[in-house]
Protein backbone atom coordinates (compact mmCIF):
# COMPACT_ATOMS: atom_id res chain seq x y z
CA MET A 1 117.31 123.11 72.80
CA LYS A 2 117.92 124.91 76.04
CA HIS A 3 118.78 122.54 79.11
CA GLY A 4 115.43 123.24 80.92
CA LYS A 5 113.37 122.05 78.01
CA LYS A 6 115.27 119.04 77.89
CA TYR A 7 114.54 118.15 81.81
CA GLN A 8 111.14 118.93 81.82
CA GLU A 9 110.78 116.25 78.12
CA ALA A 10 112.65 113.99 80.64
CA ALA A 11 110.52 113.85 83.48
CA LYS A 12 107.30 113.87 81.44
CA THR A 13 108.34 110.92 79.55
CA ILE A 14 109.28 109.12 82.90
CA LEU A 15 105.74 109.88 84.21
CA SER A 16 104.20 108.84 80.81
CA CYS A 17 104.54 105.21 82.15
CA PRO A 18 101.66 104.40 84.17
CA ILE A 19 103.48 101.89 86.50
CA ALA A 20 106.50 104.69 86.85
CA LYS A 21 104.37 106.92 89.43
CA THR A 22 104.59 104.04 92.18
CA ASN A 23 108.40 103.40 91.29
CA HIS A 24 110.93 104.75 93.38
CA LYS A 25 113.42 104.96 90.68
CA THR A 26 111.28 107.48 89.28
CA PHE A 27 110.74 109.71 92.09
CA TYR A 28 114.66 109.44 92.25
CA LEU A 29 115.85 110.38 88.88
CA LEU A 30 112.69 113.19 89.14
CA GLY A 31 114.92 114.50 91.98
CA GLU A 32 117.91 114.42 89.87
CA ILE A 33 115.96 116.22 87.08
CA CYS A 34 114.83 119.04 89.57
CA LEU A 35 118.31 119.34 91.22
CA ALA A 36 119.82 119.71 87.62
CA GLU A 37 117.34 122.80 87.03
CA ASN A 38 118.22 124.25 90.96
CA LYS A 39 114.81 123.56 92.24
CA ILE A 40 115.98 122.43 95.29
CA ASN A 41 112.69 122.52 97.28
CA GLU A 42 111.26 119.98 94.53
CA ALA A 43 114.40 117.76 94.46
CA ILE A 44 113.70 117.61 98.37
CA ASP A 45 110.27 115.99 97.71
CA ASN A 46 111.25 113.66 95.15
CA TYR A 47 114.15 112.31 97.09
CA CYS A 48 111.86 111.94 100.02
CA LYS A 49 109.26 109.91 97.97
CA ALA A 50 112.40 107.66 96.67
CA CYS A 51 113.60 107.15 100.47
CA LYS A 52 109.97 106.53 101.49
CA LEU A 53 109.35 103.80 98.60
CA ASN A 54 112.53 102.47 99.00
CA PRO A 55 114.04 102.78 102.45
CA LYS A 56 117.32 100.52 102.40
CA ASN A 57 118.90 102.63 99.23
CA SER A 58 122.00 104.68 100.49
CA LEU A 59 122.19 106.70 97.59
CA TYR A 60 118.70 108.29 97.83
CA TYR A 61 119.70 109.31 101.16
CA TYR A 62 122.89 110.95 100.27
CA SER A 63 120.91 112.45 97.72
CA LEU A 64 118.44 113.89 99.81
CA ALA A 65 120.94 115.01 102.36
CA THR A 66 122.36 116.83 99.50
CA ALA A 67 119.81 118.65 98.74
CA TYR A 68 119.13 119.45 101.88
CA SER A 69 122.59 121.02 102.53
CA LEU A 70 122.18 123.35 99.20
CA ASN A 71 118.96 124.74 100.75
CA GLY A 72 120.72 125.23 104.23
CA PHE A 73 118.95 122.86 105.57
CA LEU A 74 121.76 121.38 107.89
CA LYS A 75 120.10 119.76 110.50
CA GLU A 76 118.23 117.47 108.12
CA ALA A 77 121.16 117.03 106.09
CA GLU A 78 123.45 115.25 108.87
CA GLU A 79 120.62 113.41 109.69
CA ASN A 80 120.21 111.97 106.13
CA TYR A 81 123.79 111.46 105.73
CA HIS A 82 123.76 109.63 109.04
CA ASN A 83 121.22 107.31 107.09
CA ALA A 84 123.52 107.06 103.80
CA VAL A 85 126.21 106.02 106.08
CA LYS A 86 124.33 103.66 107.90
CA LEU A 87 122.90 101.56 105.06
CA SER A 88 126.79 101.82 103.13
CA PRO A 89 129.66 101.87 106.46
CA ASN A 90 131.70 101.30 103.75
CA ASN A 91 131.35 104.14 101.68
CA LEU A 92 134.15 106.57 102.81
CA PHE A 93 132.77 109.61 100.61
CA TYR A 94 129.54 109.28 102.62
CA VAL A 95 131.32 109.26 105.95
CA TYR A 96 133.54 112.29 104.28
CA THR A 97 130.09 114.35 103.83
CA LEU A 98 129.22 113.78 107.13
CA ALA A 99 132.00 114.79 108.76
CA LEU A 100 131.73 117.74 106.32
CA VAL A 101 128.21 118.81 107.31
CA CYS A 102 129.57 118.49 110.90
CA TYR A 103 131.97 120.70 110.68
CA GLN A 104 129.62 123.14 109.37
CA THR A 105 127.53 122.92 112.42
CA LYS A 106 130.22 123.61 114.62
CA GLN A 107 130.27 119.69 115.76
CA ILE A 108 134.15 119.64 115.54
CA SER A 109 134.58 116.42 118.16
CA LYS A 110 131.86 114.43 115.42
CA ALA A 111 133.89 115.96 112.66
CA LYS A 112 137.16 114.58 114.02
CA GLU A 113 135.82 111.33 115.04
CA LYS A 114 134.32 110.67 111.52
CA ILE A 115 137.86 111.96 109.80
CA ASN A 116 139.53 109.55 112.10
CA HIS A 117 137.30 106.70 111.12
CA ILE A 118 138.18 107.17 107.43
CA LEU A 119 142.03 107.69 108.00
CA SER A 120 141.89 104.36 109.86
CA ILE A 121 140.70 102.50 106.70
CA ASN A 122 142.64 104.81 104.04
CA SER A 123 145.58 106.94 105.71
CA GLU A 124 145.82 108.97 102.20
CA ASN A 125 142.08 109.72 101.84
CA GLU A 126 142.52 113.64 100.55
CA ASN A 127 138.91 114.51 101.72
CA ALA A 128 139.43 113.79 105.11
CA LEU A 129 142.95 114.96 105.16
CA VAL A 130 142.25 118.38 104.07
CA LEU A 131 139.11 118.87 106.48
CA LYS A 132 141.05 117.79 109.18
CA ALA A 133 143.69 120.59 107.87
CA GLN A 134 140.74 122.71 107.74
CA ILE A 135 140.06 122.13 111.31
CA ALA A 136 143.78 122.31 112.44
CA THR A 137 144.05 125.78 110.69
CA ASP A 138 140.69 126.58 112.59
CA GLU A 139 142.41 126.04 116.02
CA ASN A 140 145.39 127.82 115.10
CA ASP A 141 147.45 124.65 115.13
CA VAL A 142 148.99 125.79 111.26
CA ILE A 143 152.09 123.52 112.03
CA THR A 144 149.98 120.39 111.86
CA ALA A 145 147.35 121.84 109.14
CA GLU A 146 150.84 122.90 106.82
CA ASN A 147 152.66 119.35 107.05
CA ILE A 148 148.91 117.67 106.22
CA LEU A 149 148.73 120.02 103.07
CA LYS A 150 152.21 119.28 102.11
CA GLN A 151 151.66 115.74 102.08
CA VAL A 152 148.23 116.30 100.19
CA LEU A 153 149.74 118.44 97.64
CA LYS A 154 152.64 116.49 97.14
CA LYS A 155 150.37 113.60 95.66
CA ASN A 156 147.66 116.04 93.91
CA PRO A 157 149.18 119.83 93.44
CA LYS A 158 145.95 120.53 91.65
CA ASN A 159 143.79 120.04 94.89
CA ASP A 160 142.24 123.47 94.81
CA TYR A 161 140.86 123.07 98.44
CA ALA A 162 144.01 121.88 99.56
CA LEU A 163 145.71 125.34 98.42
CA TYR A 164 142.57 127.52 99.70
CA ILE A 165 143.12 125.97 103.27
CA ARG A 166 147.21 126.36 102.44
CA ALA A 167 146.05 130.33 101.87
CA GLN A 168 144.24 130.51 105.22
CA VAL A 169 147.43 129.04 107.07
CA PHE A 170 149.78 131.42 105.37
CA LYS A 171 147.10 134.42 106.26
CA LYS A 172 147.26 133.04 110.12
CA LEU A 173 151.12 133.36 110.13
CA GLY A 174 150.30 137.13 108.17
CA TRP A 175 152.50 136.05 105.08
CA TRP A 176 150.26 137.78 103.16
CA GLU A 177 152.26 137.52 99.78
CA LYS A 178 152.40 133.66 100.03
CA ALA A 179 148.73 133.44 101.07
CA ILE A 180 147.52 135.52 97.52
CA GLU A 181 150.09 133.12 95.65
CA ALA A 182 148.15 130.06 97.28
CA ILE A 183 144.68 131.41 96.63
CA ASN A 184 145.66 132.41 92.81
CA LEU A 185 146.58 128.60 92.19
CA ALA A 186 143.28 127.36 94.28
CA LEU A 187 141.44 129.91 91.39
CA LYS A 188 143.64 128.69 88.47
CA TYR A 189 142.04 125.09 89.19
CA ASN A 190 138.66 126.30 90.11
CA PRO A 191 138.13 129.88 88.62
CA ASN A 192 134.37 130.14 89.62
CA SER A 193 134.69 129.43 92.85
CA LYS A 194 132.97 132.67 95.03
CA GLU A 195 134.42 131.67 98.09
CA TYR A 196 138.20 131.45 96.21
CA ILE A 197 137.71 134.84 94.70
CA SER A 198 136.11 136.33 97.86
CA GLU A 199 139.26 135.22 99.91
CA ALA A 200 141.46 136.42 97.18
CA ALA A 201 139.76 140.02 97.16
CA THR A 202 140.20 140.14 100.79
CA TYR A 203 144.02 138.99 100.80
CA ASN A 204 144.82 141.63 98.47
CA TYR A 205 142.42 144.38 100.33
CA GLU A 206 144.88 143.50 103.44
CA GLN A 207 148.12 143.94 101.37
CA GLY A 208 146.78 146.97 100.01
CA ASN A 209 146.43 145.74 96.64
CA TYR A 210 143.55 147.92 95.83
CA SER A 211 142.86 147.73 92.44
CA ASP A 212 143.41 144.06 92.53
CA ALA A 213 140.75 143.67 95.25
CA GLU A 214 138.27 145.97 93.40
CA GLN A 215 138.33 144.00 90.46
CA LEU A 216 137.83 140.50 92.05
CA CYS A 217 134.83 142.31 93.77
CA LYS A 218 133.64 143.42 90.19
CA ASN A 219 133.84 139.67 89.25
CA LEU A 220 131.77 138.49 92.00
CA ILE A 221 129.05 140.82 91.09
CA GLU A 222 129.13 139.55 87.28
CA LYS A 223 128.64 136.01 88.58
CA ASP A 224 126.28 136.99 91.19
CA GLU A 225 124.57 140.69 91.48
CA LYS A 226 122.92 139.77 94.81
CA TYR A 227 126.43 138.69 96.52
CA ILE A 228 126.85 141.41 99.23
CA PHE A 229 130.20 140.54 100.32
CA ALA A 230 131.39 141.98 97.07
CA TYR A 231 129.46 145.37 97.78
CA ILE A 232 131.06 145.31 101.32
CA LYS A 233 134.38 144.84 100.07
CA LEU A 234 133.98 147.48 97.18
CA ALA A 235 132.71 150.17 99.49
CA GLU A 236 136.10 149.88 101.93
CA ILE A 237 138.04 149.97 99.42
CA TYR A 238 136.66 153.15 98.51
CA VAL A 239 136.60 154.46 102.26
CA LYS A 240 140.28 153.64 102.21
CA GLN A 241 140.81 155.65 98.63
CA LYS A 242 138.51 158.62 100.02
CA ARG A 243 136.51 157.76 96.93
CA PHE A 244 133.23 158.50 98.95
CA SER A 245 130.74 158.86 96.58
CA GLU A 246 131.40 155.15 94.66
CA ALA A 247 131.49 153.90 98.41
CA LEU A 248 127.87 155.53 98.93
CA GLU A 249 126.67 153.86 95.84
CA ASN A 250 127.59 150.26 97.28
CA ILE A 251 126.36 150.71 100.73
CA GLU A 252 123.04 151.56 99.30
CA GLN A 253 123.57 148.16 97.33
CA ILE A 254 124.40 146.56 100.69
CA PHE A 255 120.96 147.89 102.41
CA LYS A 256 119.05 147.10 98.90
CA TYR A 257 119.95 143.31 99.75
CA ASP A 258 120.06 143.48 103.57
CA ILE A 259 119.07 146.63 105.45
CA ASN A 260 120.49 144.91 108.73
CA THR A 261 124.40 144.83 107.63
CA PRO A 262 126.07 146.59 110.47
CA VAL A 263 129.46 147.43 108.46
CA ALA A 264 127.24 149.00 106.50
CA TYR A 265 126.02 151.74 108.46
CA PHE A 266 129.90 152.03 110.40
CA MET A 267 131.44 152.65 106.96
CA LYS A 268 128.85 155.37 106.34
CA ALA A 269 129.60 156.78 109.58
CA GLN A 270 133.29 156.77 108.90
CA ILE A 271 132.62 158.80 105.82
CA TYR A 272 130.20 161.44 107.42
CA ALA A 273 132.97 161.80 110.20
CA GLU A 274 135.76 162.25 107.35
CA ASN A 275 133.50 165.04 105.65
CA LYS A 276 132.95 166.63 109.21
CA LEU A 277 129.28 165.69 109.44
CA PHE A 278 129.54 164.74 113.21
CA GLU A 279 125.81 164.28 114.60
CA GLN A 280 125.17 162.03 111.29
CA ALA A 281 128.45 160.11 111.92
CA VAL A 282 127.60 159.28 115.62
CA ASP A 283 124.09 158.20 114.23
CA PHE A 284 125.19 155.99 111.98
CA ALA A 285 127.70 154.04 114.34
CA LYS A 286 124.88 153.73 116.72
CA GLN A 287 123.21 151.87 113.97
CA ALA A 288 125.75 149.72 113.86
CA ILE A 289 126.16 148.84 117.38
CA THR A 290 122.80 148.13 117.81
CA LEU A 291 123.02 145.35 114.77
CA ASN A 292 126.66 144.29 116.30
CA PRO A 293 126.85 145.14 119.91
CA ASP A 294 129.86 143.33 120.54
CA ASN A 295 132.51 144.86 117.86
CA ASN A 296 134.65 146.66 119.82
CA GLU A 297 135.84 148.83 117.21
CA TYR A 298 132.35 150.91 116.65
CA TYR A 299 132.45 152.11 120.64
CA ARG A 300 136.11 153.10 120.01
CA PHE A 301 135.19 154.90 116.89
CA ILE A 302 132.41 156.71 118.74
CA ALA A 303 134.44 157.53 121.71
CA ASP A 304 137.21 159.03 119.66
CA LEU A 305 134.20 161.29 117.73
CA TYR A 306 132.88 162.33 120.63
CA PHE A 307 136.05 163.22 122.54
CA GLU A 308 137.35 165.07 119.29
CA ASN A 309 134.20 167.27 119.31
CA ASN A 310 134.37 168.17 122.90
CA HIS A 311 131.96 165.93 124.10
CA PHE A 312 133.98 164.14 126.93
CA LYS A 313 131.27 162.49 128.81
CA ASP A 314 129.96 160.88 126.32
CA ALA A 315 133.72 159.90 125.69
CA LEU A 316 133.88 158.37 128.44
CA LYS A 317 131.32 156.26 128.47
CA TYR A 318 132.05 154.95 124.97
CA TYR A 319 135.76 154.17 125.93
CA GLN A 320 134.27 152.45 129.26
CA GLU A 321 132.07 150.47 127.10
CA ALA A 322 135.21 149.71 124.66
CA SER A 323 137.50 148.77 127.69
CA GLN A 324 134.88 145.82 128.46
CA PHE A 325 136.23 144.04 125.54
CA GLU A 326 139.72 145.50 125.69
CA VAL A 327 140.67 145.11 129.24
CA THR A 328 144.44 145.33 128.72
CA SER A 329 144.16 148.40 126.23
CA SER A 330 146.29 151.39 127.62
CA TYR A 331 145.04 153.30 124.62
CA LEU A 332 141.47 153.42 125.99
CA ARG A 333 142.58 153.93 129.67
CA TYR A 334 144.36 156.57 128.68
CA LYS A 335 141.76 158.48 126.77
CA ALA A 336 139.05 158.00 129.70
CA ALA A 337 141.57 159.28 132.13
CA GLN A 338 142.03 162.36 129.68
CA CYS A 339 138.05 162.63 129.55
CA CYS A 340 137.79 162.20 133.33
CA GLN A 341 140.64 165.04 133.52
CA LYS A 342 138.33 167.21 130.93
CA ILE A 343 135.32 167.11 133.23
CA ASN A 344 137.26 167.35 136.68
CA GLN A 345 137.04 163.99 137.99
CA TYR A 346 140.36 163.77 139.18
CA GLU A 347 140.27 160.77 141.10
CA ASP A 348 138.74 158.56 138.60
CA ALA A 349 141.41 160.05 135.70
CA ILE A 350 144.56 158.76 138.22
CA ALA A 351 142.51 155.85 138.52
CA HIS A 352 142.69 154.95 134.51
CA TYR A 353 146.12 156.30 134.51
């Protein structure tokens, strides 16, 4: 018998008792059943009913918060994790989950406050230490992060999330081989993590290990055919290798799931530029800018395209746009000066030089 049928029979059995329909335990169990079946909205409804019938049960609020978090409702998750902590202030795991959702919602000061509270009670709490290392890594304090991670991994070398964060530390330092080694260890202990596989694919791509990166992306698609990151990374690999037909196939898959992905338009622009289709390349690059106007790479790309095709006024415009993001770039100033010379704006050329 499949799990789905088992869960349905369990729910039916629970509800068959007349008193069950008014009992908070019933709705909590129904929430657990729905969560196991990945029916997140139904789980939330049942947990809400359990909380309403018994507002003093911290587990109910914790479970409700977890369901909200899985559904991407982080504000509601934070509120209910807070309720769970309020009812069970000594449950350090509840405090950690609250710290984690604060981190996910960019409330770093709040997250640090919760982490410090946990560590003041238990200085060796692995969850809190690893989250502290994650925040330190984000803030480029790689020495603090590495010291924390060494402490955690010495005690528990199989802590896959600590290994994942350590890989990020090595990435920050540009130590790609060590980063790959660390993320591979994380995958050894948690081989189904799409997050870890994605990171491994990125590191291998950056290191030029394209065949390994390609296989990791294909593994991701086997796990989730709608996983857009995998198609993006595959397209990037194929563009690098000038395997343009395969790149275009993956770009079409990206558009199938999200038509508003700027990097897909940019890769299409790169492909058309490589094939000397100037106007089409410019059009796709401009679409990328429309969707992500803060990406300087797109402006530089269009500027260079215009320059190579003798459209110097247009090239100047985009070099100047790019300069707003890279005010110290000598390359952009030099190219802008060249454009000014080409269109006889000599005083402006001198100013750029």
